[in-house]
Amino acid sequence: MTHKFPSFMTASFTRQPPEGDEATTSGNTESESASQPRDTSERRVHQRFVAKLHGKPCFWVLIGEERLPLNDLSLKGFALPAPPMLLPGVQFYFILQREGVPDSIRGCAEVTGVFGNDNPSAGCRIIQFEGQGEDLLYDWLVTHVIRSATVRISEKDAAAIVSGRSLV
């Protein structure tokens, strides 16, 4: 069976992981020399989804007192308009919010890269979730795929898309 994936599943990024790479980052292992600089390049494993519904932002991140719309979101990371303090390698506490939903997801993320000159975006890898945040994010993304699809899609198919490898 062949699936035509909706446009919300085709975000474009500058850097792509090597074929067959399972790592979310190419970070050095503890056994490698501490003198080597840490590579914070993004290595997407899971599909990222445009964080808009009907052309309007539907996922937000709260960093300190600043609430920013997300550009995209996946099980392991997100991208957002880059405030000046988000530089590659910076770790920060975040709260994810979904428009119209009282739940929030809390955790810690690391900036893996900043892309673009006029309107830079920061790609971030989620390092740690608080509580059941990872499960809640999974549920949010499955719901988002179903709501955003241009063709009827089952929850089982949406879950497979969310859990599957990046198509980009």
C-alpha atoms as a PDB file:
ATOM      1  CA  MET A   1       0.000   0.000   0.000  1.00  0.00           C
ATOM      2  CA  THR A   2       1.335   3.442  -0.919  1.00  0.00           C
ATOM      3  CA  HIS A   3       0.684   6.488   1.264  1.00  0.00           C
ATOM      4  CA  LYS A   4       0.768  10.080   0.086  1.00  0.00           C
ATOM      5  CA  PHE A   5       1.979  12.088   3.052  1.00  0.00           C
ATOM      6  CA  PRO A   6       0.326  15.475   3.672  1.00  0.00           C
ATOM      7  CA  SER A   7       2.350  18.666   3.249  1.00  0.00           C
ATOM      8  CA  PHE A   8       2.592  19.243   7.023  1.00  0.00           C
ATOM      9  CA  MET A   9       5.024  16.340   7.167  1.00  0.00           C
ATOM     10  CA  THR A  10       7.578  17.797   4.787  1.00  0.00           C
ATOM     11  CA  ALA A  11       9.546  20.512   6.589  1.00  0.00           C
ATOM     12  CA  SER A  12      12.887  21.424   5.047  1.00  0.00           C
ATOM     13  CA  PHE A  13      16.132  21.661   6.977  1.00  0.00           C
ATOM     14  CA  THR A  14      19.703  22.404   6.056  1.00  0.00           C
ATOM     15  CA  ARG A  15      21.370  19.351   7.569  1.00  0.00           C
ATOM     16  CA  GLN A  16      20.278  15.731   7.315  1.00  0.00           C
ATOM     17  CA  PRO A  17      21.546  12.679   9.185  1.00  0.00           C
ATOM     18  CA  PRO A  18      23.732  10.141   7.393  1.00  0.00           C
ATOM     19  CA  GLU A  19      21.779   7.210   5.961  1.00  0.00           C
ATOM     20  CA  GLY A  20      21.124   4.594   8.623  1.00  0.00           C
ATOM     21  CA  ASP A  21      22.275   6.812  11.522  1.00  0.00           C
ATOM     22  CA  GLU A  22      20.235   5.973  14.600  1.00  0.00           C
ATOM     23  CA  ALA A  23      21.655   8.654  16.894  1.00  0.00           C
ATOM     24  CA  THR A  24      19.769  11.825  17.736  1.00  0.00           C
ATOM     25  CA  THR A  25      23.099  13.633  17.928  1.00  0.00           C
ATOM     26  CA  SER A  26      26.590  12.748  16.915  1.00  0.00           C
ATOM     27  CA  GLY A  27      27.735  13.578  20.432  1.00  0.00           C
ATOM     28  CA  ASN A  28      30.923  12.061  21.715  1.00  0.00           C
ATOM     29  CA  THR A  29      30.842   9.093  24.043  1.00  0.00           C
ATOM     30  CA  GLU A  30      32.264   9.346  27.533  1.00  0.00           C
ATOM     31  CA  SER A  31      35.223   7.213  26.458  1.00  0.00           C
ATOM     32  CA  GLU A  32      36.278   9.781  23.867  1.00  0.00           C
ATOM     33  CA  SER A  33      38.735  12.469  24.787  1.00  0.00           C
ATOM     34  CA  ALA A  34      37.271  15.311  26.818  1.00  0.00           C
ATOM     35  CA  SER A  35      39.498  17.694  24.860  1.00  0.00           C
ATOM     36  CA  GLN A  36      37.504  17.091  21.652  1.00  0.00           C
ATOM     37  CA  PRO A  37      34.835  19.726  21.008  1.00  0.00           C
ATOM     38  CA  ARG A  38      31.329  18.398  21.351  1.00  0.00           C
ATOM     39  CA  ASP A  39      29.397  18.142  18.083  1.00  0.00           C
ATOM     40  CA  THR A  40      25.920  19.568  18.675  1.00  0.00           C
ATOM     41  CA  SER A  41      24.775  19.017  15.077  1.00  0.00           C
ATOM     42  CA  GLU A  42      21.207  17.902  14.806  1.00  0.00           C
ATOM     43  CA  ARG A  43      20.621  14.325  13.720  1.00  0.00           C
ATOM     44  CA  ARG A  44      16.882  13.796  13.362  1.00  0.00           C
ATOM     45  CA  VAL A  45      15.609  10.272  13.822  1.00  0.00           C
ATOM     46  CA  HIS A  46      11.860  10.843  14.178  1.00  0.00           C
ATOM     47  CA  GLN A  47       9.599  12.749  11.829  1.00  0.00           C
ATOM     48  CA  ARG A  48       9.112  16.422  12.657  1.00  0.00           C
ATOM     49  CA  PHE A  49       5.709  18.004  12.193  1.00  0.00           C
ATOM     50  CA  VAL A  50       5.003  21.602  11.283  1.00  0.00           C
ATOM     51  CA  ALA A  51       3.596  23.172  14.448  1.00  0.00           C
ATOM     52  CA  LYS A  52       0.642  24.835  12.764  1.00  0.00           C
ATOM     53  CA  LEU A  53      -2.966  23.866  12.271  1.00  0.00           C
ATOM     54  CA  HIS A  54      -4.924  25.623   9.529  1.00  0.00           C
ATOM     55  CA  GLY A  55      -2.070  28.108   9.140  1.00  0.00           C
ATOM     56  CA  LYS A  56      -1.971  29.180  12.804  1.00  0.00           C
ATOM     57  CA  PRO A  57       0.545  28.171  15.492  1.00  0.00           C
ATOM     58  CA  CYS A  58      -0.790  25.363  17.669  1.00  0.00           C
ATOM     59  CA  PHE A  59       2.303  24.464  19.717  1.00  0.00           C
ATOM     60  CA  TRP A  60       4.190  26.922  21.891  1.00  0.00           C
ATOM     61  CA  VAL A  61       7.274  26.862  24.092  1.00  0.00           C
ATOM     62  CA  LEU A  62       7.731  28.878  27.249  1.00  0.00           C
ATOM     63  CA  ILE A  63      11.380  29.685  28.008  1.00  0.00           C
ATOM     64  CA  GLY A  64      11.612  31.804  31.134  1.00  0.00           C
ATOM     65  CA  GLU A  65       8.919  34.440  30.655  1.00  0.00           C
ATOM     66  CA  GLU A  66       8.976  34.312  26.838  1.00  0.00           C
ATOM     67  CA  ARG A  67       6.268  32.355  24.978  1.00  0.00           C
ATOM     68  CA  LEU A  68       7.286  31.496  21.414  1.00  0.00           C
ATOM     69  CA  PRO A  69       5.433  29.584  18.667  1.00  0.00           C
ATOM     70  CA  LEU A  70       7.209  26.421  17.593  1.00  0.00           C
ATOM     71  CA  ASN A  71       8.204  25.973  13.950  1.00  0.00           C
ATOM     72  CA  ASP A  72       8.102  22.187  14.224  1.00  0.00           C
ATOM     73  CA  LEU A  73       7.988  19.418  16.794  1.00  0.00           C
ATOM     74  CA  SER A  74       8.923  15.727  17.079  1.00  0.00           C
ATOM     75  CA  LEU A  75       9.237  13.120  19.808  1.00  0.00           C
ATOM     76  CA  LYS A  76      12.853  14.134  20.420  1.00  0.00           C
ATOM     77  CA  GLY A  77      13.045  17.834  19.635  1.00  0.00           C
ATOM     78  CA  PHE A  78      11.660  21.045  18.218  1.00  0.00           C
ATOM     79  CA  ALA A  79      12.591  24.195  16.341  1.00  0.00           C
ATOM     80  CA  LEU A  80      11.607  27.739  17.215  1.00  0.00           C
ATOM     81  CA  PRO A  81      12.400  31.331  16.259  1.00  0.00           C
ATOM     82  CA  ALA A  82      15.818  31.790  17.872  1.00  0.00           C
ATOM     83  CA  PRO A  83      15.974  34.336  20.676  1.00  0.00           C
ATOM     84  CA  PRO A  84      19.520  35.783  21.102  1.00  0.00           C
ATOM     85  CA  MET A  85      20.294  33.655  24.190  1.00  0.00           C
ATOM     86  CA  LEU A  86      19.769  30.346  22.355  1.00  0.00           C
ATOM     87  CA  LEU A  87      23.165  29.509  20.898  1.00  0.00           C
ATOM     88  CA  PRO A  88      24.433  26.048  19.916  1.00  0.00           C
ATOM     89  CA  GLY A  89      25.251  23.971  22.994  1.00  0.00           C
ATOM     90  CA  VAL A  90      23.064  26.010  25.379  1.00  0.00           C
ATOM     91  CA  GLN A  91      20.811  23.916  27.615  1.00  0.00           C
ATOM     92  CA  PHE A  92      17.549  25.341  28.926  1.00  0.00           C
ATOM     93  CA  TYR A  93      14.372  24.465  30.811  1.00  0.00           C
ATOM     94  CA  PHE A  94      11.190  24.583  28.730  1.00  0.00           C
ATOM     95  CA  ILE A  95       7.429  24.216  28.978  1.00  0.00           C
ATOM     96  CA  LEU A  96       5.589  23.042  25.852  1.00  0.00           C
ATOM     97  CA  GLN A  97       1.991  24.152  25.422  1.00  0.00           C
ATOM     98  CA  ARG A  98      -0.671  23.069  22.954  1.00  0.00           C
ATOM     99  CA  GLU A  99      -3.263  25.611  21.854  1.00  0.00           C
ATOM    100  CA  GLY A 100      -6.594  25.028  23.591  1.00  0.00           C
ATOM    101  CA  VAL A 101      -5.261  22.276  25.879  1.00  0.00           C
ATOM    102  CA  PRO A 102      -4.614  22.875  29.599  1.00  0.00           C
ATOM    103  CA  ASP A 103      -1.835  20.240  29.847  1.00  0.00           C
ATOM    104  CA  SER A 104       1.806  21.211  29.477  1.00  0.00           C
ATOM    105  CA  ILE A 105       5.047  19.303  28.995  1.00  0.00           C
ATOM    106  CA  ARG A 106       8.135  20.280  30.965  1.00  0.00           C
ATOM    107  CA  GLY A 107      11.722  19.330  30.454  1.00  0.00           C
ATOM    108  CA  CYS A 108      15.244  20.308  29.499  1.00  0.00           C
ATOM    109  CA  ALA A 109      16.532  20.814  25.943  1.00  0.00           C
ATOM    110  CA  GLU A 110      19.788  21.653  24.211  1.00  0.00           C
ATOM    111  CA  VAL A 111      20.252  23.873  21.165  1.00  0.00           C
ATOM    112  CA  THR A 112      21.797  21.770  18.388  1.00  0.00           C
ATOM    113  CA  GLY A 113      22.054  24.541  15.820  1.00  0.00           C
ATOM    114  CA  VAL A 114      20.869  27.960  14.708  1.00  0.00           C
ATOM    115  CA  PHE A 115      19.933  28.360  11.054  1.00  0.00           C
ATOM    116  CA  GLY A 116      19.065  31.379   8.916  1.00  0.00           C
ATOM    117  CA  ASN A 117      20.195  34.994   8.905  1.00  0.00           C
ATOM    118  CA  ASP A 118      17.164  37.286   8.762  1.00  0.00           C
ATOM    119  CA  ASN A 119      14.818  35.147  10.883  1.00  0.00           C
ATOM    120  CA  PRO A 120      17.037  32.549  12.570  1.00  0.00           C
ATOM    121  CA  SER A 121      15.569  29.310  13.915  1.00  0.00           C
ATOM    122  CA  ALA A 122      17.047  27.220  16.702  1.00  0.00           C
ATOM    123  CA  GLY A 123      16.910  23.436  16.429  1.00  0.00           C
ATOM    124  CA  CYS A 124      16.652  21.862  19.885  1.00  0.00           C
ATOM    125  CA  ARG A 125      17.042  18.306  21.154  1.00  0.00           C
ATOM    126  CA  ILE A 126      15.006  17.297  24.186  1.00  0.00           C
ATOM    127  CA  ILE A 127      17.399  15.984  26.824  1.00  0.00           C
ATOM    128  CA  GLN A 128      14.927  15.105  29.558  1.00  0.00           C
ATOM    129  CA  PHE A 129      11.195  15.168  30.229  1.00  0.00           C
ATOM    130  CA  GLU A 130       9.553  15.717  33.592  1.00  0.00           C
ATOM    131  CA  GLY A 131       6.999  13.134  34.699  1.00  0.00           C
ATOM    132  CA  GLN A 132       4.890  11.675  31.903  1.00  0.00           C
ATOM    133  CA  GLY A 133       5.903  14.386  29.427  1.00  0.00           C
ATOM    134  CA  GLU A 134       7.231  11.993  26.804  1.00  0.00           C
ATOM    135  CA  ASP A 135       3.964  10.004  26.751  1.00  0.00           C
ATOM    136  CA  LEU A 136       1.912  13.201  26.610  1.00  0.00           C
ATOM    137  CA  LEU A 137       3.993  14.528  23.690  1.00  0.00           C
ATOM    138  CA  TYR A 138       3.398  11.267  21.822  1.00  0.00           C
ATOM    139  CA  ASP A 139      -0.377  11.660  22.346  1.00  0.00           C
ATOM    140  CA  TRP A 140      -0.251  15.306  21.229  1.00  0.00           C
ATOM    141  CA  LEU A 141       1.588  14.408  18.021  1.00  0.00           C
ATOM    142  CA  VAL A 142      -0.744  11.516  17.140  1.00  0.00           C
ATOM    143  CA  THR A 143      -3.702  13.863  17.586  1.00  0.00           C
ATOM    144  CA  HIS A 144      -1.952  16.547  15.537  1.00  0.00           C
ATOM    145  CA  VAL A 145      -1.307  14.140  12.653  1.00  0.00           C
ATOM    146  CA  ILE A 146      -4.969  13.083  12.626  1.00  0.00           C
ATOM    147  CA  ARG A 147      -6.254  16.680  12.781  1.00  0.00           C
ATOM    148  CA  SER A 148      -3.803  17.923  10.127  1.00  0.00           C
ATOM    149  CA  ALA A 149      -4.226  15.123   7.620  1.00  0.00           C
ATOM    150  CA  THR A 150      -5.810  16.053   4.320  1.00  0.00           C
ATOM    151  CA  VAL A 151      -7.126  12.502   3.948  1.00  0.00           C
ATOM    152  CA  ARG A 152      -8.823  10.305   6.535  1.00  0.00           C
ATOM    153  CA  ILE A 153      -6.206   8.604   8.693  1.00  0.00           C
ATOM    154  CA  SER A 154      -6.615   6.077  11.506  1.00  0.00           C
ATOM    155  CA  GLU A 155      -5.110   6.475  14.942  1.00  0.00           C
ATOM    156  CA  LYS A 156      -2.971   3.401  14.240  1.00  0.00           C
ATOM    157  CA  ASP A 157      -1.567   4.980  11.046  1.00  0.00           C
ATOM    158  CA  ALA A 158      -0.990   8.310  12.813  1.00  0.00           C
ATOM    159  CA  ALA A 159       0.858   6.520  15.628  1.00  0.00           C
ATOM    160  CA  ALA A 160       3.055   4.733  13.063  1.00  0.00           C
ATOM    161  CA  ILE A 161       3.894   8.064  11.406  1.00  0.00           C
ATOM    162  CA  VAL A 162       4.765   9.704  14.743  1.00  0.00           C
ATOM    163  CA  SER A 163       6.904   6.756  15.879  1.00  0.00           C
ATOM    164  CA  GLY A 164       8.532   6.164  12.516  1.00  0.00           C
ATOM    165  CA  ARG A 165      11.782   7.404  11.024  1.00  0.00           C
ATOM    166  CA  SER A 166      12.137  10.869   9.605  1.00  0.00           C
ATOM    167  CA  LEU A 167      10.957  11.146   6.008  1.00  0.00           C
ATOM    168  CA  VAL A 168      13.027  14.281   5.373  1.00  0.00           C
END
